[in-house]
C-alpha atoms as a PDB file:
ATOM      1  CA  MET A   1      -5.921 -46.275   5.838  1.00  0.00           C
ATOM      2  CA  LYS A   2      -2.264 -46.680   6.536  1.00  0.00           C
ATOM      3  CA  THR A   3       1.048 -45.396   5.263  1.00  0.00           C
ATOM      4  CA  THR A   4       4.636 -46.489   5.834  1.00  0.00           C
ATOM      5  CA  LEU A   5       7.530 -44.382   7.041  1.00  0.00           C
ATOM      6  CA  THR A   6      10.528 -44.540   4.683  1.00  0.00           C
ATOM      7  CA  SER A   7      14.172 -44.819   5.747  1.00  0.00           C
ATOM      8  CA  LYS A   8      14.426 -41.046   5.137  1.00  0.00           C
ATOM      9  CA  GLY A   9      11.546 -40.341   7.546  1.00  0.00           C
ATOM     10  CA  GLN A  10       9.040 -39.543   4.790  1.00  0.00           C
ATOM     11  CA  LEU A  11       5.481 -40.730   4.331  1.00  0.00           C
ATOM     12  CA  THR A  12       2.985 -40.612   1.532  1.00  0.00           C
ATOM     13  CA  LEU A  13      -0.520 -39.470   2.350  1.00  0.00           C
ATOM     14  CA  PRO A  14      -3.077 -41.734   0.712  1.00  0.00           C
ATOM     15  CA  LYS A  15      -4.669 -40.248  -2.411  1.00  0.00           C
ATOM     16  CA  LYS A  16      -8.125 -40.339  -0.809  1.00  0.00           C
ATOM     17  CA  VAL A  17      -6.881 -38.147   2.072  1.00  0.00           C
ATOM     18  CA  ARG A  18      -5.173 -35.672  -0.294  1.00  0.00           C
ATOM     19  CA  GLU A  19      -8.306 -35.399  -2.431  1.00  0.00           C
ATOM     20  CA  GLU A  20     -10.660 -35.030   0.533  1.00  0.00           C
ATOM     21  CA  LEU A  21      -8.561 -32.205   2.003  1.00  0.00           C
ATOM     22  CA  GLY A  22      -7.719 -30.617  -1.333  1.00  0.00           C
ATOM     23  CA  LEU A  23      -3.985 -31.019  -0.748  1.00  0.00           C
ATOM     24  CA  LYS A  24      -1.626 -30.361  -3.639  1.00  0.00           C
ATOM     25  CA  PRO A  25       2.149 -30.689  -4.084  1.00  0.00           C
ATOM     26  CA  GLY A  26       3.916 -27.967  -2.115  1.00  0.00           C
ATOM     27  CA  ASP A  27       1.163 -27.590   0.505  1.00  0.00           C
ATOM     28  CA  GLU A  28       2.469 -27.381   4.056  1.00  0.00           C
ATOM     29  CA  LEU A  29       1.253 -29.437   6.987  1.00  0.00           C
ATOM     30  CA  LEU A  30       1.726 -28.512  10.635  1.00  0.00           C
ATOM     31  CA  VAL A  31       2.946 -31.455  12.729  1.00  0.00           C
ATOM     32  CA  GLU A  32       1.635 -31.685  16.269  1.00  0.00           C
ATOM     33  CA  VAL A  33       2.748 -34.304  18.791  1.00  0.00           C
ATOM     34  CA  GLU A  34       0.677 -35.086  21.877  1.00  0.00           C
ATOM     35  CA  ASN A  35       1.415 -38.122  24.002  1.00  0.00           C
ATOM     36  CA  ASP A  36       1.859 -40.983  21.517  1.00  0.00           C
ATOM     37  CA  ARG A  37      -0.069 -39.334  18.667  1.00  0.00           C
ATOM     38  CA  ILE A  38       1.029 -37.337  15.634  1.00  0.00           C
ATOM     39  CA  THR A  39      -1.487 -34.993  14.055  1.00  0.00           C
ATOM     40  CA  LEU A  40      -1.021 -33.378  10.651  1.00  0.00           C
ATOM     41  CA  VAL A  41      -2.947 -30.160  10.076  1.00  0.00           C
ATOM     42  CA  PRO A  42      -3.016 -28.489   6.635  1.00  0.00           C
ATOM     43  CA  ARG A  43      -1.642 -24.961   6.696  1.00  0.00           C
ATOM     44  CA  ARG A  44      -3.998 -23.052   4.445  1.00  0.00           C
ATOM     45  CA  ARG A  45      -2.442 -20.811   1.844  1.00  0.00           C
ATOM     46  CA  TYR A  46      -4.191 -19.823  -1.311  1.00  0.00           C
ATOM     47  CA  ARG A  47      -2.816 -19.958  -4.804  1.00  0.00           C
ATOM     48  CA  ALA A  48      -3.100 -16.941  -7.107  1.00  0.00           C
ATOM     49  CA  GLU A  49      -5.688 -18.678  -9.282  1.00  0.00           C
ATOM     50  CA  GLU A  50      -7.872 -19.304  -6.210  1.00  0.00           C
ATOM     51  CA  LEU A  51      -7.734 -15.742  -4.855  1.00  0.00           C
ATOM     52  CA  ASP A  52     -10.124 -14.281  -7.425  1.00  0.00           C
ATOM     53  CA  GLN A  53     -12.806 -16.558  -5.991  1.00  0.00           C
ATOM     54  CA  LEU A  54     -12.078 -15.382  -2.433  1.00  0.00           C
ATOM     55  CA  ILE A  55     -11.687 -11.651  -2.950  1.00  0.00           C
ATOM     56  CA  LEU A  56     -14.869  -9.633  -2.940  1.00  0.00           C
ATOM     57  CA  LYS A  57     -15.546  -8.058  -6.295  1.00  0.00           C
ATOM     58  CA  ALA A  58     -15.636  -4.260  -6.354  1.00  0.00           C
ATOM     59  CA  GLN A  59     -19.004  -2.649  -6.961  1.00  0.00           C
ATOM     60  CA  LYS A  60     -17.446  -0.273  -9.461  1.00  0.00           C
ATOM     61  CA  PRO A  61     -14.172  -0.433 -11.373  1.00  0.00           C
ATOM     62  CA  PHE A  62     -11.019   1.081  -9.884  1.00  0.00           C
ATOM     63  CA  PRO A  63     -10.770   4.633 -11.290  1.00  0.00           C
ATOM     64  CA  GLY A  64      -6.986   4.569 -11.437  1.00  0.00           C
ATOM     65  CA  LEU A  65      -4.182   5.790  -9.229  1.00  0.00           C
ATOM     66  CA  LYS A  66      -4.332   9.386 -10.478  1.00  0.00           C
ATOM     67  CA  ALA A  67      -8.042   9.705  -9.708  1.00  0.00           C
ATOM     68  CA  GLU A  68      -7.534   8.164  -6.260  1.00  0.00           C
ATOM     69  CA  LYS A  69      -4.731  10.629  -5.446  1.00  0.00           C
ATOM     70  CA  GLU A  70      -6.901  13.550  -6.585  1.00  0.00           C
ATOM     71  CA  ALA A  71      -9.800  12.342  -4.418  1.00  0.00           C
ATOM     72  CA  ALA A  72      -7.465  12.019  -1.417  1.00  0.00           C
ATOM     73  CA  ALA A  73      -6.143  15.564  -2.008  1.00  0.00           C
ATOM     74  CA  ARG A  74      -9.723  16.937  -2.180  1.00  0.00           C
ATOM     75  CA  ALA A  75     -10.602  15.153   1.065  1.00  0.00           C
ATOM     76  CA  ARG A  76      -7.530  16.576   2.827  1.00  0.00           C
ATOM     77  CA  PHE A  77      -8.338  20.077   1.522  1.00  0.00           C
ATOM     78  CA  LYS A  78     -11.915  19.853   2.831  1.00  0.00           C
ATOM     79  CA  LYS A  79     -10.696  18.610   6.214  1.00  0.00           C
ATOM     80  CA  GLU A  80      -8.121  21.398   6.573  1.00  0.00           C
ATOM     81  CA  ARG A  81     -10.609  24.170   5.761  1.00  0.00           C
ATOM     82  CA  PRO A  82     -12.763  25.399   8.663  1.00  0.00           C
END
């Protein structure tokens, strides 16, 4: 595959490459130069709609902030008592 550098220094990645790497508009690529070679490496960031697939699901639902604060207070009380 090949691409052509524009007068503004831009290039278009071939569609096949974008699809294979899952690249979407706005994705960032790291540019590395070594000797006479340029390497583009996708910088992985996840979109909000993808995070729910990556985050581990809780075993039980979150009890709420009030319940969490009460549990923390009970734990501190137990720790402070001899």
